[in-house]
PDB file of N, CA and C in Angstrom:
ATOM      1  N   MET A   1      13.365  47.567  73.237  1.00  0.00           N
ATOM      2  CA  MET A   1      12.942  48.015  71.913  1.00  0.00           C
ATOM      3  C   MET A   1      14.151  48.349  71.041  1.00  0.00           C
ATOM      4  N   ARG A   2      15.142  48.995  71.645  1.00  0.00           N
ATOM      5  CA  ARG A   2      16.342  49.383  70.883  1.00  0.00           C
ATOM      6  C   ARG A   2      17.086  48.136  70.383  1.00  0.00           C
ATOM      7  N   ASP A   3      17.143  47.087  71.217  1.00  0.00           N
ATOM      8  CA  ASP A   3      17.807  45.850  70.800  1.00  0.00           C
ATOM      9  C   ASP A   3      17.116  45.233  69.594  1.00  0.00           C
ATOM     10  N   ALA A   4      15.808  45.264  69.581  1.00  0.00           N
ATOM     11  CA  ALA A   4      15.047  44.702  68.465  1.00  0.00           C
ATOM     12  C   ALA A   4      15.329  45.489  67.190  1.00  0.00           C
ATOM     13  N   GLU A   5      15.430  46.813  67.284  1.00  0.00           N
ATOM     14  CA  GLU A   5      15.735  47.633  66.113  1.00  0.00           C
ATOM     15  C   GLU A   5      17.142  47.344  65.595  1.00  0.00           C
ATOM     16  N   LEU A   6      18.093  47.222  66.523  1.00  0.00           N
ATOM     17  CA  LEU A   6      19.467  46.910  66.130  1.00  0.00           C
ATOM     18  C   LEU A   6      19.547  45.539  65.472  1.00  0.00           C
ATOM     19  N   THR A   7      18.855  44.579  66.061  1.00  0.00           N
ATOM     20  CA  THR A   7      18.844  43.225  65.508  1.00  0.00           C
ATOM     21  C   THR A   7      18.244  43.225  64.108  1.00  0.00           C
ATOM     22  N   GLU A   8      17.164  43.953  63.931  1.00  0.00           N
ATOM     23  CA  GLU A   8      16.524  44.038  62.618  1.00  0.00           C
ATOM     24  C   GLU A   8      17.454  44.701  61.606  1.00  0.00           C
ATOM     25  N   GLY A   9      18.131  45.748  62.020  1.00  0.00           N
ATOM     26  CA  GLY A   9      19.082  46.430  61.138  1.00  0.00           C
ATOM     27  C   GLY A   9      20.222  45.514  60.730  1.00  0.00           C
ATOM     28  N   ILE A  10      20.732  44.766  61.684  1.00  0.00           N
ATOM     29  CA  ILE A  10      21.814  43.814  61.398  1.00  0.00           C
ATOM     30  C   ILE A  10      21.321  42.739  60.437  1.00  0.00           C
ATOM     31  N   ASN A  11      20.133  42.217  60.683  1.00  0.00           N
ATOM     32  CA  ASN A  11      19.567  41.186  59.813  1.00  0.00           C
ATOM     33  C   ASN A  11      19.367  41.696  58.390  1.00  0.00           C
ATOM     34  N   GLN A  12      18.860  42.911  58.256  1.00  0.00           N
ATOM     35  CA  GLN A  12      18.653  43.469  56.924  1.00  0.00           C
ATOM     36  C   GLN A  12      19.986  43.674  56.211  1.00  0.00           C
ATOM     37  N   HIS A  13      20.970  44.167  56.950  1.00  0.00           N
ATOM     38  CA  HIS A  13      22.292  44.365  56.361  1.00  0.00           C
ATOM     39  C   HIS A  13      22.876  43.025  55.900  1.00  0.00           C
ATOM     40  N   TRP A  14      22.736  41.996  56.723  1.00  0.00           N
ATOM     41  CA  TRP A  14      23.264  40.678  56.364  1.00  0.00           C
ATOM     42  C   TRP A  14      22.559  40.122  55.132  1.00  0.00           C
ATOM     43  N   GLN A  15      21.242  40.297  55.064  1.00  0.00           N
ATOM     44  CA  GLN A  15      20.492  39.799  53.903  1.00  0.00           C
ATOM     45  C   GLN A  15      20.977  40.492  52.625  1.00  0.00           C
ATOM     46  N   HIS A  16      21.238  41.790  52.720  1.00  0.00           N
ATOM     47  CA  HIS A  16      21.739  42.536  51.564  1.00  0.00           C
ATOM     48  C   HIS A  16      23.133  42.034  51.174  1.00  0.00           C
ATOM     49  N   GLN A  17      24.008  41.860  52.161  1.00  0.00           N
ATOM     50  CA  GLN A  17      25.352  41.355  51.910  1.00  0.00           C
ATOM     51  C   GLN A  17      25.302  39.956  51.302  1.00  0.00           C
ATOM     52  N   LYS A  18      24.441  39.117  51.848  1.00  0.00           N
ATOM     53  CA  LYS A  18      24.324  37.737  51.379  1.00  0.00           C
ATOM     54  C   LYS A  18      23.898  37.703  49.917  1.00  0.00           C
ATOM     55  N   GLN A  19      22.959  38.552  49.539  1.00  0.00           N
ATOM     56  CA  GLN A  19      22.522  38.604  48.148  1.00  0.00           C
ATOM     57  C   GLN A  19      23.676  39.018  47.233  1.00  0.00           C
ATOM     58  N   GLY A  20      24.498  39.949  47.707  1.00  0.00           N
ATOM     59  CA  GLY A  20      25.663  40.361  46.932  1.00  0.00           C
ATOM     60  C   GLY A  20      26.644  39.224  46.746  1.00  0.00           C
ATOM     61  N   TYR A  21      26.906  38.490  47.817  1.00  0.00           N
ATOM     62  CA  TYR A  21      27.833  37.356  47.742  1.00  0.00           C
ATOM     63  C   TYR A  21      27.304  36.278  46.802  1.00  0.00           C
ATOM     64  N   LEU A  22      26.035  35.966  46.945  1.00  0.00           N
ATOM     65  CA  LEU A  22      25.439  34.928  46.095  1.00  0.00           C
ATOM     66  C   LEU A  22      25.440  35.352  44.627  1.00  0.00           C
ATOM     67  N   GLY A  23      25.198  36.627  44.375  1.00  0.00           N
ATOM     68  CA  GLY A  23      25.246  37.123  42.999  1.00  0.00           C
ATOM     69  C   GLY A  23      26.642  36.986  42.410  1.00  0.00           C
ATOM     70  N   ALA A  24      27.663  37.302  43.213  1.00  0.00           N
ATOM     71  CA  ALA A  24      29.043  37.174  42.727  1.00  0.00           C
ATOM     72  C   ALA A  24      29.380  35.722  42.438  1.00  0.00           C
ATOM     73  N   ILE A  25      28.917  34.817  43.281  1.00  0.00           N
ATOM     74  CA  ILE A  25      29.173  33.388  43.070  1.00  0.00           C
ATOM     75  C   ILE A  25      28.471  32.913  41.800  1.00  0.00           C
ATOM     76  N   ARG A  26      27.251  33.374  41.585  1.00  0.00           N
ATOM     77  CA  ARG A  26      26.525  32.994  40.363  1.00  0.00           C
ATOM     78  C   ARG A  26      27.249  33.515  39.122  1.00  0.00           C
ATOM     79  N   ASP A  27      27.765  34.741  39.206  1.00  0.00           N
ATOM     80  CA  ASP A  27      28.514  35.297  38.074  1.00  0.00           C
ATOM     81  C   ASP A  27      29.751  34.463  37.782  1.00  0.00           C
ATOM     82  N   LEU A  28      30.470  34.055  38.817  1.00  0.00           N
ATOM     83  CA  LEU A  28      31.657  33.225  38.620  1.00  0.00           C
ATOM     84  C   LEU A  28      31.290  31.872  38.026  1.00  0.00           C
ATOM     85  N   ALA A  29      30.201  31.303  38.506  1.00  0.00           N
ATOM     86  CA  ALA A  29      29.762  30.012  37.972  1.00  0.00           C
ATOM     87  C   ALA A  29      29.405  30.145  36.496  1.00  0.00           C
ATOM     88  N   GLY A  30      28.809  31.266  36.122  1.00  0.00           N
ATOM     89  CA  GLY A  30      28.471  31.491  34.721  1.00  0.00           C
ATOM     90  C   GLY A  30      29.720  31.608  33.861  1.00  0.00           C
ATOM     91  N   LEU A  31      30.745  32.252  34.386  1.00  0.00           N
ATOM     92  CA  LEU A  31      31.999  32.368  33.636  1.00  0.00           C
ATOM     93  C   LEU A  31      32.667  31.011  33.470  1.00  0.00           C
ATOM     94  N   ALA A  32      32.575  30.186  34.484  1.00  0.00           N
ATOM     95  CA  ALA A  32      33.220  28.869  34.441  1.00  0.00           C
ATOM     96  C   ALA A  32      32.577  27.981  33.380  1.00  0.00           C
ATOM     97  N   GLN A  33      31.335  28.215  33.068  1.00  0.00           N
ATOM     98  CA  GLN A  33      30.650  27.383  32.089  1.00  0.00           C
ATOM     99  C   GLN A  33      30.955  27.796  30.650  1.00  0.00           C
ATOM    100  N   GLN A  34      31.504  28.997  30.481  1.00  0.00           N
ATOM    101  CA  GLN A  34      31.832  29.468  29.136  1.00  0.00           C
ATOM    102  C   GLN A  34      33.233  28.981  28.771  1.00  0.00           C
ATOM    103  N   LYS A  35      33.298  28.187  27.718  1.00  0.00           N
ATOM    104  CA  LYS A  35      34.597  27.687  27.273  1.00  0.00           C
ATOM    105  C   LYS A  35      35.242  28.724  26.361  1.00  0.00           C
ATOM    106  N   PRO A  36      36.492  29.026  26.604  1.00  0.00           N
ATOM    107  CA  PRO A  36      37.153  30.016  25.745  1.00  0.00           C
ATOM    108  C   PRO A  36      37.374  29.465  24.344  1.00  0.00           C
ATOM    109  N   GLU A  37      37.323  30.355  23.377  1.00  0.00           N
ATOM    110  CA  GLU A  37      37.552  29.963  21.994  1.00  0.00           C
ATOM    111  C   GLU A  37      39.054  29.858  21.773  1.00  0.00           C
ATOM    112  N   VAL A  38      39.470  28.750  21.223  1.00  0.00           N
ATOM    113  CA  VAL A  38      40.886  28.528  20.952  1.00  0.00           C
ATOM    114  C   VAL A  38      41.177  28.997  19.533  1.00  0.00           C
ATOM    115  N   THR A  39      42.145  29.886  19.426  1.00  0.00           N
ATOM    116  CA  THR A  39      42.533  30.363  18.097  1.00  0.00           C
ATOM    117  C   THR A  39      43.820  29.652  17.695  1.00  0.00           C
ATOM    118  N   PRO A  40      43.879  29.184  16.479  1.00  0.00           N
ATOM    119  CA  PRO A  40      45.079  28.458  16.047  1.00  0.00           C
ATOM    120  C   PRO A  40      46.280  29.391  15.957  1.00  0.00           C
ATOM    121  N   ASP A  41      47.426  28.880  16.366  1.00  0.00           N
ATOM    122  CA  ASP A  41      48.665  29.636  16.288  1.00  0.00           C
ATOM    123  C   ASP A  41      49.366  29.254  14.995  1.00  0.00           C
ATOM    124  N   GLU A  42      49.440  30.197  14.079  1.00  0.00           N
ATOM    125  CA  GLU A  42      50.000  29.924  12.763  1.00  0.00           C
ATOM    126  C   GLU A  42      51.469  30.334  12.671  1.00  0.00           C
ATOM    127  N   THR A  43      52.072  30.655  13.806  1.00  0.00           N
ATOM    128  CA  THR A  43      53.468  31.075  13.815  1.00  0.00           C
ATOM    129  C   THR A  43      54.385  29.871  13.659  1.00  0.00           C
ATOM    130  N   ASP A  44      55.335  29.984  12.775  1.00  0.00           N
ATOM    131  CA  ASP A  44      56.341  28.944  12.593  1.00  0.00           C
ATOM    132  C   ASP A  44      57.512  29.290  13.508  1.00  0.00           C
ATOM    133  N   LEU A  45      57.577  28.620  14.639  1.00  0.00           N
ATOM    134  CA  LEU A  45      58.599  28.941  15.634  1.00  0.00           C
ATOM    135  C   LEU A  45      60.011  28.726  15.104  1.00  0.00           C
ATOM    136  N   THR A  46      60.204  27.683  14.339  1.00  0.00           N
ATOM    137  CA  THR A  46      61.532  27.421  13.780  1.00  0.00           C
ATOM    138  C   THR A  46      61.978  28.592  12.917  1.00  0.00           C
ATOM    139  N   GLN A  47      61.092  29.061  12.072  1.00  0.00           N
ATOM    140  CA  GLN A  47      61.410  30.188  11.197  1.00  0.00           C
ATOM    141  C   GLN A  47      61.662  31.452  12.022  1.00  0.00           C
ATOM    142  N   GLU A  48      60.856  31.672  13.054  1.00  0.00           N
ATOM    143  CA  GLU A  48      61.049  32.843  13.919  1.00  0.00           C
ATOM    144  C   GLU A  48      62.421  32.800  14.594  1.00  0.00           C
ATOM    145  N   ILE A  49      62.778  31.651  15.145  1.00  0.00           N
ATOM    146  CA  ILE A  49      64.059  31.506  15.844  1.00  0.00           C
ATOM    147  C   ILE A  49      65.218  31.693  14.871  1.00  0.00           C
ATOM    148  N   GLU A  50      65.122  31.097  13.704  1.00  0.00           N
ATOM    149  CA  GLU A  50      66.180  31.247  12.710  1.00  0.00           C
ATOM    150  C   GLU A  50      66.328  32.708  12.282  1.00  0.00           C
ATOM    151  N   GLY A  51      65.231  33.406  12.137  1.00  0.00           N
ATOM    152  CA  GLY A  51      65.259  34.823  11.788  1.00  0.00           C
ATOM    153  C   GLY A  51      65.953  35.657  12.854  1.00  0.00           C
ATOM    154  N   ILE A  52      65.654  35.364  14.107  1.00  0.00           N
ATOM    155  CA  ILE A  52      66.275  36.089  15.221  1.00  0.00           C
ATOM    156  C   ILE A  52      67.772  35.802  15.265  1.00  0.00           C
ATOM    157  N   ILE A  53      68.140  34.545  15.103  1.00  0.00           N
ATOM    158  CA  ILE A  53      69.566  34.166  15.114  1.00  0.00           C
ATOM    159  C   ILE A  53      70.299  34.848  13.963  1.00  0.00           C
ATOM    160  N   THR A  54      69.676  34.900  12.799  1.00  0.00           N
ATOM    161  CA  THR A  54      70.285  35.566  11.645  1.00  0.00           C
ATOM    162  C   THR A  54      70.509  37.045  11.936  1.00  0.00           C
ATOM    163  N   GLU A  55      69.498  37.714  12.503  1.00  0.00           N
ATOM    164  CA  GLU A  55      69.630  39.134  12.827  1.00  0.00           C
ATOM    165  C   GLU A  55      70.725  39.358  13.865  1.00  0.00           C
ATOM    166  N   LEU A  56      70.779  38.490  14.873  1.00  0.00           N
ATOM    167  CA  LEU A  56      71.830  38.612  15.891  1.00  0.00           C
ATOM    168  C   LEU A  56      73.209  38.401  15.266  1.00  0.00           C
ATOM    169  N   GLY A  57      73.310  37.446  14.372  1.00  0.00           N
ATOM    170  CA  GLY A  57      74.575  37.178  13.699  1.00  0.00           C
ATOM    171  C   GLY A  57      75.038  38.380  12.888  1.00  0.00           C
ATOM    172  N   LYS A  58      74.098  39.036  12.203  1.00  0.00           N
ATOM    173  CA  LYS A  58      74.448  40.222  11.407  1.00  0.00           C
ATOM    174  C   LYS A  58      74.942  41.350  12.323  1.00  0.00           C
ATOM    175  N   LYS A  59      74.316  41.513  13.470  1.00  0.00           N
ATOM    176  CA  LYS A  59      74.708  42.592  14.381  1.00  0.00           C
ATOM    177  C   LYS A  59      76.050  42.302  15.050  1.00  0.00           C
ATOM    178  N   LEU A  60      76.354  41.045  15.264  1.00  0.00           N
ATOM    179  CA  LEU A  60      77.627  40.689  15.890  1.00  0.00           C
ATOM    180  C   LEU A  60      78.791  40.840  14.909  1.00  0.00           C
ATOM    181  N   ILE A  61      78.521  40.609  13.630  1.00  0.00           N
ATOM    182  CA  ILE A  61      79.559  40.698  12.609  1.00  0.00           C
ATOM    183  C   ILE A  61      79.917  42.156  12.339  1.00  0.00           C
ATOM    184  N   VAL A  62      78.940  43.039  12.366  1.00  0.00           N
ATOM    185  CA  VAL A  62      79.177  44.452  12.028  1.00  0.00           C
ATOM    186  C   VAL A  62      79.896  45.169  13.113  1.00  0.00           C
TER     187      VAL A  62
END
């Protein structure tokens, strides 16, 4: 009788764990289907680099 109770307890625990695992997998699958929104990058890298070089040049001269 004790073995049957232990077996039932183990089975119930596994069923609970399995539902948790399956839920996590479903959540991940849902995230994978959502495409991220791409925001345009309006930064002018050339201008940024030139600005940094200019600032460095001013600090080196002083």
